[in-house]
Amino acid sequence: MAEIKITDLNTHGGIGANSYLIKFGCWRMVIDTGLHPKYAGNEAVPNYSLVSDDSLDLIIVTHAHLDHLGSLPVLARRHPDARVIMSSGTSAIAGRMLRNSVQVMKYQREELGIPEYPLYTRGEITMLEDRVLPLEFMRPLTLGESDEDELEIELHPSGHIPGAASVRISHGGRTILFSGDIQFQHQHILDGAYVPDIEPDLLVLETTRGSTVPKPDGSREMVMDELLMTVSNILKRGGSCLIPVFALGRMQEMLAVVQMAIHSGKLPATKVFCSGLGMDIVNYFDLLSRKKGYPRFDRSILKDLGVRPPSRDLKPGRNPGEKGLYLVSSGMLVEKTPSYKLAASILDDSANGICFIGYCDPDTPGGQLKECEPGERFYFEELNHEAKVNAEIHKFDLTGHAERDELLDFAKRQNPRKILLTHGDPEARQWFIDNLPGTCPGVEVVNPKPGRHIEV
């Protein structure tokens, strides 16, 4: 039986620079190569000092969000002979996401004085793209030159964003299953996860929603209907509505939802404004849809809705020149982004509204604004502007991650020998530590400490 050793390379633990080193028999690999969004410079990179240079056979990436992808060129540079594997959907998007990261790092070098930025160049990304081996879902890849070293990799759609994968790795009579970031409920442009029952020796299970109590009547469809009703009310009274969105996945889903809602009468006809990286991703999703059949997205949505960029003449405390629906990044109102500037523009007017539709880190401007009460003062530090919270602030839970009870059911169906917890804050992981034993009796549950080797 093949030996399995696994090490969490995410220095800070929790959700961040997601990365695992795996020794699986004669094979050495890293699964995911993230950058931690809360840190800068080399501190944001996984602890690759635990991986000897030029020692990896494989680098596997589960999806194109930067907390799973963003340091890939850093690791690939140190392991020039390692095969780089990801789904064909992720491979279509990854280069664009990494090039955007280069631009952001160049800006941060100047603004924040981070000398090591950028961590990689556009030229390195181009060379890396030539190394990528794209896999189709549910088409196993067999590697190795003999029965003794044969390794099989199979990707399954995880439903998180287009191209996102759960990963099965089998070798020497043993199997590892990485859930990846997983969503079982169908989204408007993407079906939920499909992962067959595998019975792995090790299940690496995401725990993102462990501390979130699901609402008993909070189906995704009902939450979306509540969102559309709220947006409709804001627009009908003559206000503007800002929906901060993540550029990859969420902007495109909301464009499709808005088109459907306007055509069905759930939303009044309105001007729609979008900008940023998400508008480039529209083109990639359109290409994927035509070539792969997912996501269900057609860039003609932009023409149908008359999508245009917001005015560049935005002033804090002064309404945008045109009223309408603003779908702009970032989802957490990060400084210097379109959503940050628009929030400063519309927050003072009680006719307006801001609708958050996903997770916001408490330390980000979005996370702080979500917790404000009406009439409080909110300071936009980057703009040196203090605004009164007169606009309505709404929160809608349209997560891209599975609910905790769904993950318990998933773990039970997989029937693993051991479960390793990942991608969750301490409270979220603790919920699974407390509840997995009742669902999976006799299964060992491990909450790994960063840098510590675990044997399976």
Protein backbone atom coordinates (compact mmCIF):
# COMPACT_ATOMS: atom_id res chain seq x y z
CA MET A 1 0.00 0.00 0.00
CA ALA A 2 1.34 3.42 -0.96
CA GLU A 3 2.42 5.74 1.84
CA ILE A 4 0.57 9.08 2.13
CA LYS A 5 2.09 12.12 3.83
CA ILE A 6 0.34 15.49 3.62
CA THR A 7 1.46 18.93 4.83
CA ASP A 8 -0.53 22.16 5.00
CA LEU A 9 1.67 24.86 3.43
CA ASN A 10 -0.72 27.71 4.29
CA THR A 11 1.46 29.46 6.87
CA HIS A 12 -1.39 31.31 8.56
CA GLY A 13 -3.97 28.52 8.43
CA GLY A 14 -7.67 29.19 7.90
CA ILE A 15 -8.71 30.50 4.49
CA GLY A 16 -5.90 32.09 2.57
CA ALA A 17 -2.83 30.82 0.76
CA ASN A 18 -4.36 27.40 0.16
CA SER A 19 -1.70 24.80 -0.64
CA TYR A 20 -0.90 21.20 0.34
CA LEU A 21 2.26 19.17 -0.17
CA ILE A 22 1.56 15.47 -0.70
CA LYS A 23 3.98 12.56 -0.78
CA PHE A 24 2.00 9.68 -2.25
CA GLY A 25 4.19 6.61 -2.62
CA CYS A 26 6.86 7.55 -5.14
CA TRP A 27 5.00 10.70 -6.22
CA ARG A 28 5.43 14.22 -4.84
CA MET A 29 2.88 16.89 -5.64
CA VAL A 30 1.35 20.16 -4.47
CA ILE A 31 -2.39 20.74 -4.59
CA ASP A 32 -3.28 24.44 -4.98
CA THR A 33 -0.96 27.42 -4.98
CA GLY A 34 -2.80 30.33 -3.40
CA LEU A 35 -1.96 33.84 -2.25
CA HIS A 36 -3.29 35.01 1.12
CA PRO A 37 -5.56 38.05 0.57
CA LYS A 38 -4.87 39.49 4.03
CA TYR A 39 -1.09 39.64 3.65
CA ALA A 40 1.34 41.24 1.23
CA GLY A 41 4.66 40.34 -0.32
CA ASN A 42 6.33 37.04 0.51
CA GLU A 43 4.16 36.71 3.61
CA ALA A 44 1.16 36.08 1.33
CA VAL A 45 2.84 33.06 -0.30
CA PRO A 46 2.52 29.49 1.06
CA ASN A 47 5.50 28.10 2.93
CA TYR A 48 7.29 26.72 -0.10
CA SER A 49 10.52 26.44 1.92
CA LEU A 50 9.10 23.05 3.00
CA VAL A 51 9.28 21.90 -0.64
CA SER A 52 12.79 21.14 -1.87
CA ASP A 53 13.56 22.80 -5.20
CA ASP A 54 12.99 20.69 -8.30
CA SER A 55 11.43 17.89 -6.26
CA LEU A 56 7.81 17.92 -7.46
CA ASP A 57 6.30 15.66 -10.07
CA LEU A 58 2.95 17.44 -10.22
CA ILE A 59 1.26 20.74 -9.38
CA ILE A 60 -2.55 20.52 -9.40
CA VAL A 61 -4.82 23.59 -9.17
CA THR A 62 -8.48 23.13 -8.21
CA HIS A 63 -9.79 26.47 -9.54
CA ALA A 64 -8.90 30.00 -10.62
CA HIS A 65 -9.60 32.08 -7.51
CA LEU A 66 -6.33 33.66 -6.41
CA ASP A 67 -6.41 32.11 -2.94
CA HIS A 68 -5.92 28.79 -4.78
CA LEU A 69 -4.03 29.93 -7.91
CA GLY A 70 -2.18 33.16 -7.21
CA SER A 71 1.33 31.85 -6.40
CA LEU A 72 1.46 29.22 -9.14
CA PRO A 73 4.25 30.97 -11.10
CA VAL A 74 6.34 31.22 -7.91
CA LEU A 75 6.16 27.46 -7.28
CA ALA A 76 6.41 26.48 -10.95
CA ARG A 77 9.62 28.51 -11.29
CA ARG A 78 11.25 26.36 -8.60
CA HIS A 79 10.01 23.10 -10.13
CA PRO A 80 10.59 23.39 -13.89
CA ASP A 81 9.96 19.70 -14.56
CA ALA A 82 6.68 19.41 -12.66
CA ARG A 83 3.56 18.87 -14.73
CA VAL A 84 0.92 21.53 -14.08
CA ILE A 85 -2.60 20.10 -14.09
CA MET A 86 -5.98 21.83 -13.91
CA SER A 87 -9.35 21.53 -15.61
CA SER A 88 -9.64 22.87 -19.13
CA GLY A 89 -12.09 25.45 -17.80
CA THR A 90 -9.62 26.69 -15.21
CA SER A 91 -6.79 26.72 -17.75
CA ALA A 92 -8.84 29.06 -19.95
CA ILE A 93 -9.20 31.60 -17.12
CA ALA A 94 -6.01 31.18 -15.07
CA GLY A 95 -3.69 33.23 -17.26
CA ARG A 96 -6.01 36.24 -17.21
CA MET A 97 -6.36 36.07 -13.43
CA LEU A 98 -2.59 35.87 -12.96
CA ARG A 99 -1.92 38.78 -15.33
CA ASN A 100 -4.37 40.90 -13.39
CA SER A 101 -2.49 39.91 -10.23
CA VAL A 102 0.74 41.22 -11.78
CA GLN A 103 -0.89 44.59 -12.40
CA VAL A 104 -2.18 44.76 -8.84
CA MET A 105 1.24 43.85 -7.44
CA LYS A 106 2.95 46.53 -9.55
CA TYR A 107 0.55 49.08 -8.14
CA GLN A 108 1.12 47.84 -4.59
CA ARG A 109 4.89 48.03 -5.07
CA GLU A 110 4.59 51.73 -5.75
CA GLU A 111 1.81 52.57 -3.29
CA LEU A 112 2.83 50.35 -0.37
CA GLY A 113 6.57 50.08 -0.96
CA ILE A 114 6.69 46.29 -1.24
CA PRO A 115 10.07 45.69 -2.93
CA GLU A 116 9.52 42.03 -3.86
CA TYR A 117 6.44 42.83 -5.95
CA PRO A 118 5.57 41.71 -8.53
CA LEU A 119 6.30 38.14 -7.50
CA TYR A 120 6.31 37.09 -11.15
CA THR A 121 6.12 38.59 -14.62
CA ARG A 122 3.72 38.40 -17.53
CA GLY A 123 6.43 36.57 -19.46
CA GLU A 124 6.58 33.88 -16.80
CA ILE A 125 2.82 33.46 -17.03
CA THR A 126 3.02 32.99 -20.79
CA MET A 127 5.69 30.29 -20.41
CA LEU A 128 3.69 28.65 -17.64
CA GLU A 129 0.60 28.43 -19.84
CA ASP A 130 2.58 26.24 -22.22
CA ARG A 131 3.26 23.80 -19.35
CA VAL A 132 -0.37 23.37 -18.34
CA LEU A 133 -1.98 20.01 -19.01
CA PRO A 134 -5.73 20.74 -19.16
CA LEU A 135 -8.04 17.88 -18.18
CA GLU A 136 -11.71 17.37 -18.96
CA PHE A 137 -14.02 16.44 -16.12
CA MET A 138 -14.52 12.72 -15.48
CA ARG A 139 -11.81 11.63 -17.90
CA PRO A 140 -9.10 9.96 -15.79
CA LEU A 141 -5.45 10.66 -16.58
CA THR A 142 -2.98 7.84 -15.94
CA LEU A 143 0.68 8.65 -15.33
CA GLY A 144 3.69 6.41 -14.66
CA GLU A 145 5.78 3.95 -16.61
CA SER A 146 4.92 0.74 -14.77
CA ASP A 147 2.21 -0.80 -12.62
CA GLU A 148 4.25 0.02 -9.51
CA ASP A 149 4.34 3.78 -10.12
CA GLU A 150 0.99 4.18 -11.88
CA LEU A 151 -0.95 7.23 -10.66
CA GLU A 152 -4.48 8.16 -11.75
CA ILE A 153 -5.98 11.66 -11.53
CA GLU A 154 -9.62 12.44 -12.15
CA LEU A 155 -11.38 15.82 -11.90
CA HIS A 156 -15.05 16.25 -11.08
CA PRO A 157 -17.07 19.49 -11.36
CA SER A 158 -17.34 21.04 -7.90
CA GLY A 159 -19.95 23.68 -8.81
CA HIS A 160 -18.08 26.55 -7.11
CA ILE A 161 -17.19 28.56 -10.24
CA PRO A 162 -16.76 27.47 -13.87
CA GLY A 163 -13.82 25.09 -14.09
CA ALA A 164 -13.65 24.42 -10.34
CA ALA A 165 -12.85 20.79 -9.56
CA SER A 166 -12.87 18.18 -6.88
CA VAL A 167 -9.78 16.00 -7.36
CA ARG A 168 -9.42 12.21 -7.00
CA ILE A 169 -5.86 10.85 -6.91
CA SER A 170 -5.27 7.09 -6.80
CA HIS A 171 -1.98 5.20 -6.48
CA GLY A 172 -0.77 1.92 -5.01
CA GLY A 173 -4.22 0.74 -3.98
CA ARG A 174 -5.06 3.96 -2.11
CA THR A 175 -7.06 7.10 -2.92
CA ILE A 176 -7.14 10.76 -1.87
CA LEU A 177 -10.16 12.99 -2.58
CA PHE A 178 -9.93 16.77 -2.38
CA SER A 179 -13.39 18.34 -2.21
CA GLY A 180 -12.00 21.69 -3.35
CA ASP A 181 -14.31 24.65 -2.88
CA ILE A 182 -17.63 22.93 -3.51
CA GLN A 183 -21.24 23.98 -4.08
CA PHE A 184 -24.02 21.42 -4.46
CA GLN A 185 -26.87 23.82 -5.24
CA HIS A 186 -27.33 24.93 -8.83
CA GLN A 187 -26.41 28.52 -9.66
CA HIS A 188 -28.05 30.45 -12.46
CA ILE A 189 -25.22 29.83 -14.93
CA LEU A 190 -23.63 26.71 -13.43
CA ASP A 191 -24.83 23.34 -12.19
CA GLY A 192 -23.95 22.12 -8.71
CA ALA A 193 -21.20 19.64 -7.94
CA TYR A 194 -21.14 16.10 -9.24
CA VAL A 195 -18.74 13.81 -7.35
CA PRO A 196 -19.45 10.06 -7.29
CA ASP A 197 -19.08 8.01 -4.11
CA ILE A 198 -15.37 7.15 -3.98
CA GLU A 199 -14.61 5.77 -0.48
CA PRO A 200 -11.15 7.37 -0.29
CA ASP A 201 -8.48 6.66 2.28
CA LEU A 202 -8.29 10.42 2.84
CA LEU A 203 -10.95 13.07 2.25
CA VAL A 204 -9.67 16.66 2.36
CA LEU A 205 -12.85 18.58 3.13
CA GLU A 206 -13.53 22.30 2.90
CA THR A 207 -15.21 23.81 5.97
CA THR A 208 -15.96 27.40 4.87
CA ARG A 209 -19.57 27.46 6.11
CA GLY A 210 -19.03 25.54 9.33
CA SER A 211 -19.92 28.47 11.59
CA THR A 212 -22.89 29.62 9.46
CA VAL A 213 -26.29 28.31 10.53
CA PRO A 214 -28.37 27.61 7.40
CA LYS A 215 -31.75 29.31 7.28
CA PRO A 216 -34.51 26.68 7.23
CA ASP A 217 -36.33 28.45 4.40
CA GLY A 218 -33.26 30.03 2.82
CA SER A 219 -33.00 28.23 -0.50
CA ARG A 220 -30.88 29.95 -3.11
CA GLU A 221 -33.97 30.68 -5.22
CA MET A 222 -35.78 32.36 -2.32
CA VAL A 223 -32.75 34.49 -1.43
CA MET A 224 -32.41 35.54 -5.07
CA ASP A 225 -36.10 36.51 -5.20
CA GLU A 226 -35.63 38.62 -2.04
CA LEU A 227 -32.63 40.33 -3.64
CA LEU A 228 -34.53 41.11 -6.84
CA MET A 229 -37.48 42.50 -4.90
CA THR A 230 -35.17 44.75 -2.90
CA VAL A 231 -33.35 45.99 -6.01
CA SER A 232 -36.68 46.61 -7.72
CA ASN A 233 -37.93 48.75 -4.83
CA ILE A 234 -34.74 50.85 -4.86
CA LEU A 235 -34.92 51.43 -8.60
CA LYS A 236 -38.65 52.19 -8.63
CA ARG A 237 -38.29 54.96 -6.04
CA GLY A 238 -35.66 56.64 -8.21
CA GLY A 239 -32.52 55.45 -6.44
CA SER A 240 -29.38 53.74 -7.62
CA CYS A 241 -28.46 50.26 -6.41
CA LEU A 242 -24.89 49.07 -5.96
CA ILE A 243 -24.22 45.32 -5.91
CA PRO A 244 -20.51 44.75 -5.18
CA VAL A 245 -19.49 41.55 -6.96
CA PHE A 246 -16.46 39.34 -7.31
CA ALA A 247 -15.04 39.60 -10.82
CA LEU A 248 -14.78 35.85 -11.42
CA GLY A 249 -18.12 34.07 -11.36
CA ARG A 250 -20.37 36.39 -9.42
CA MET A 251 -20.51 39.31 -11.89
CA GLN A 252 -21.38 36.98 -14.75
CA GLU A 253 -24.04 35.16 -12.72
CA MET A 254 -25.66 38.44 -11.71
CA LEU A 255 -25.69 39.71 -15.29
CA ALA A 256 -27.60 36.58 -16.32
CA VAL A 257 -29.97 36.95 -13.36
CA VAL A 258 -30.63 40.62 -14.12
CA GLN A 259 -31.37 39.85 -17.77
CA MET A 260 -33.86 37.17 -16.76
CA ALA A 261 -35.44 39.44 -14.14
CA ILE A 262 -35.93 42.38 -16.49
CA HIS A 263 -37.45 40.16 -19.18
CA SER A 264 -39.82 38.53 -16.68
CA GLY A 265 -40.83 41.82 -15.04
CA LYS A 266 -39.20 41.13 -11.69
CA LEU A 267 -37.01 44.18 -12.27
CA PRO A 268 -37.99 47.41 -14.04
CA ALA A 269 -36.09 48.39 -17.16
CA THR A 270 -32.94 50.13 -15.94
CA LYS A 271 -29.48 51.20 -16.94
CA VAL A 272 -26.85 48.62 -16.00
CA PHE A 273 -23.25 49.57 -15.27
CA CYS A 274 -20.29 47.19 -15.01
CA SER A 275 -16.51 47.60 -15.00
CA GLY A 276 -13.24 45.97 -14.15
CA LEU A 277 -11.77 42.50 -14.57
CA GLY A 278 -15.23 40.93 -14.55
CA MET A 279 -15.94 42.42 -17.97
CA ASP A 280 -12.93 40.57 -19.40
CA ILE A 281 -14.05 37.34 -17.72
CA VAL A 282 -17.35 37.70 -19.60
CA ASN A 283 -15.46 36.92 -22.82
CA TYR A 284 -13.80 33.85 -21.32
CA PHE A 285 -17.13 32.52 -20.03
CA ASP A 286 -18.71 33.05 -23.43
CA LEU A 287 -15.89 31.05 -25.05
CA LEU A 288 -16.14 28.28 -22.46
CA SER A 289 -19.88 28.06 -22.96
CA ARG A 290 -19.48 27.58 -26.70
CA LYS A 291 -16.58 25.11 -26.44
CA LYS A 292 -17.38 23.14 -23.27
CA GLY A 293 -21.08 23.69 -22.67
CA TYR A 294 -20.53 25.44 -19.32
CA PRO A 295 -21.23 27.92 -17.89
CA ARG A 296 -24.63 28.83 -19.35
CA PHE A 297 -23.52 32.25 -20.46
CA ASP A 298 -23.62 34.32 -23.65
CA ARG A 299 -21.85 37.66 -23.92
CA SER A 300 -24.83 38.98 -25.93
CA ILE A 301 -26.24 39.69 -22.45
CA LEU A 302 -24.12 42.87 -22.47
CA LYS A 303 -25.80 44.18 -25.61
CA ASP A 304 -29.25 43.09 -24.50
CA LEU A 305 -28.89 44.98 -21.21
CA GLY A 306 -27.06 47.91 -22.75
CA VAL A 307 -24.25 47.47 -20.23
CA ARG A 308 -21.88 50.43 -19.99
CA PRO A 309 -19.05 51.48 -17.64
CA PRO A 310 -19.77 53.84 -14.75
CA SER A 311 -18.82 57.48 -15.14
CA ARG A 312 -15.21 58.28 -14.32
CA ASP A 313 -16.36 61.53 -12.77
CA LEU A 314 -17.41 60.01 -9.44
CA LYS A 315 -17.22 62.29 -6.43
CA PRO A 316 -17.60 61.20 -2.79
CA GLY A 317 -20.92 62.36 -1.43
CA ARG A 318 -22.35 63.17 -4.86
CA ASN A 319 -24.71 60.78 -6.66
CA PRO A 320 -23.45 59.27 -9.93
CA GLY A 321 -24.53 61.20 -12.99
CA GLU A 322 -26.81 58.37 -14.11
CA LYS A 323 -29.11 56.35 -11.93
CA GLY A 324 -29.36 52.63 -12.34
CA LEU A 325 -27.97 49.26 -11.26
CA TYR A 326 -24.23 49.05 -10.65
CA LEU A 327 -22.64 45.56 -10.78
CA VAL A 328 -18.99 46.32 -10.12
CA SER A 329 -16.01 44.82 -8.32
CA SER A 330 -14.79 44.31 -5.71
CA GLY A 331 -17.22 42.25 -3.68
CA MET A 332 -15.65 43.45 -0.42
CA LEU A 333 -15.39 47.16 -1.36
CA VAL A 334 -11.61 46.99 -1.32
CA GLU A 335 -9.96 50.41 -1.57
CA LYS A 336 -9.40 51.93 -5.03
CA THR A 337 -11.92 49.59 -6.68
CA PRO A 338 -15.03 50.74 -8.56
CA SER A 339 -17.36 49.48 -5.82
CA TYR A 340 -15.44 51.42 -3.15
CA LYS A 341 -15.73 54.67 -5.11
CA LEU A 342 -19.40 54.11 -5.92
CA ALA A 343 -20.26 53.34 -2.30
CA ALA A 344 -18.72 56.69 -1.30
CA SER A 345 -20.80 58.35 -4.00
CA ILE A 346 -24.22 56.90 -3.15
CA LEU A 347 -24.13 56.26 0.62
CA ASP A 348 -25.45 59.68 1.68
CA ASP A 349 -28.72 59.46 -0.33
CA SER A 350 -31.63 57.60 1.31
CA ALA A 351 -33.11 56.74 -2.11
CA ASN A 352 -30.11 54.53 -2.87
CA GLY A 353 -29.21 51.05 -1.69
CA ILE A 354 -26.20 48.73 -1.43
CA CYS A 355 -26.84 45.00 -1.64
CA PHE A 356 -24.05 42.69 -0.49
CA ILE A 357 -24.53 39.18 -1.88
CA GLY A 358 -21.61 37.24 -0.47
CA TYR A 359 -18.96 36.98 2.19
CA CYS A 360 -17.02 40.09 3.23
CA ASP A 361 -13.96 39.79 5.42
CA PRO A 362 -14.67 41.80 8.60
CA ASP A 363 -11.43 43.74 8.12
CA THR A 364 -12.38 45.03 4.65
CA PRO A 365 -14.43 48.19 4.02
CA GLY A 366 -17.29 45.99 2.84
CA GLY A 367 -17.23 43.94 6.00
CA GLN A 368 -17.24 47.10 8.11
CA LEU A 369 -20.01 48.81 6.14
CA LYS A 370 -22.24 45.71 6.35
CA GLU A 371 -22.32 46.08 10.13
CA CYS A 372 -23.19 49.80 10.16
CA GLU A 373 -26.56 50.95 11.46
CA PRO A 374 -28.66 53.58 9.64
CA GLY A 375 -27.51 57.08 10.50
CA GLU A 376 -23.99 56.05 11.54
CA ARG A 377 -20.94 57.71 10.02
CA PHE A 378 -18.66 55.70 7.74
CA TYR A 379 -15.19 56.87 6.84
CA PHE A 380 -13.76 56.11 3.39
CA GLU A 381 -10.12 56.43 4.41
CA GLU A 382 -8.68 56.13 0.92
CA LEU A 383 -10.87 59.03 -0.24
CA ASN A 384 -10.66 61.04 3.00
CA HIS A 385 -14.46 61.19 3.00
CA GLU A 386 -16.89 60.61 5.82
CA ALA A 387 -20.46 59.73 4.83
CA LYS A 388 -23.67 59.29 6.75
CA VAL A 389 -25.25 55.88 6.23
CA ASN A 390 -28.52 57.04 4.70
CA ALA A 391 -28.69 54.54 1.85
CA GLU A 392 -30.20 51.16 2.69
CA ILE A 393 -27.66 48.41 3.42
CA HIS A 394 -28.89 44.88 2.63
CA LYS A 395 -27.20 41.50 3.06
CA PHE A 396 -28.08 38.44 0.99
CA ASP A 397 -26.38 35.08 1.43
CA LEU A 398 -25.67 33.81 -2.08
CA THR A 399 -22.59 31.81 -1.23
CA GLY A 400 -20.56 29.76 -3.67
CA HIS A 401 -19.83 27.18 -0.96
CA ALA A 402 -21.80 24.19 0.31
CA GLU A 403 -23.74 24.48 3.56
CA ARG A 404 -22.30 22.60 6.50
CA ASP A 405 -25.08 19.98 6.61
CA GLU A 406 -24.54 19.30 2.91
CA LEU A 407 -20.86 18.68 3.62
CA LEU A 408 -21.74 16.26 6.40
CA ASP A 409 -23.91 14.32 3.93
CA PHE A 410 -21.09 14.45 1.38
CA ALA A 411 -18.59 13.07 3.89
CA LYS A 412 -20.98 10.27 4.86
CA ARG A 413 -21.50 9.26 1.23
CA GLN A 414 -17.76 9.27 0.55
CA ASN A 415 -17.12 6.94 3.53
CA PRO A 416 -13.44 7.87 3.97
CA ARG A 417 -10.97 6.33 6.44
CA LYS A 418 -9.70 9.75 7.51
CA ILE A 419 -10.94 13.33 7.04
CA LEU A 420 -8.60 16.31 6.96
CA LEU A 421 -10.24 19.72 7.41
CA THR A 422 -9.28 22.68 5.24
CA HIS A 423 -10.42 26.10 4.00
CA GLY A 424 -12.20 27.30 7.12
CA ASP A 425 -11.76 29.64 10.07
CA PRO A 426 -11.21 28.07 13.52
CA GLU A 427 -14.91 28.27 14.48
CA ALA A 428 -15.95 26.65 11.22
CA ARG A 429 -13.51 23.79 11.61
CA GLN A 430 -14.55 23.26 15.23
CA TRP A 431 -18.15 22.71 14.15
CA PHE A 432 -17.01 19.88 11.89
CA ILE A 433 -14.77 18.45 14.63
CA ASP A 434 -17.85 18.35 16.87
CA ASN A 435 -20.32 17.02 14.30
CA LEU A 436 -18.46 14.71 11.91
CA PRO A 437 -18.08 11.88 14.47
CA GLY A 438 -21.86 11.52 14.72
CA THR A 439 -22.19 11.40 10.94
CA CYS A 440 -19.12 9.30 10.17
CA PRO A 441 -18.59 7.04 13.21
CA GLY A 442 -15.07 5.73 13.60
CA VAL A 443 -13.58 8.07 11.03
CA GLU A 444 -10.55 10.02 12.27
CA VAL A 445 -10.97 13.80 11.84
CA VAL A 446 -7.79 15.87 11.66
CA ASN A 447 -7.49 19.66 11.87
CA PRO A 448 -3.95 20.09 10.52
CA LYS A 449 -1.48 22.58 11.90
CA PRO A 450 0.44 24.52 9.25
CA GLY A 451 3.78 22.94 8.40
CA ARG A 452 3.19 19.69 10.29
CA HIS A 453 3.38 16.41 8.36
CA ILE A 454 0.39 14.08 8.68
CA GLU A 455 0.58 10.38 7.79
CA VAL A 456 -2.40 8.45 6.49
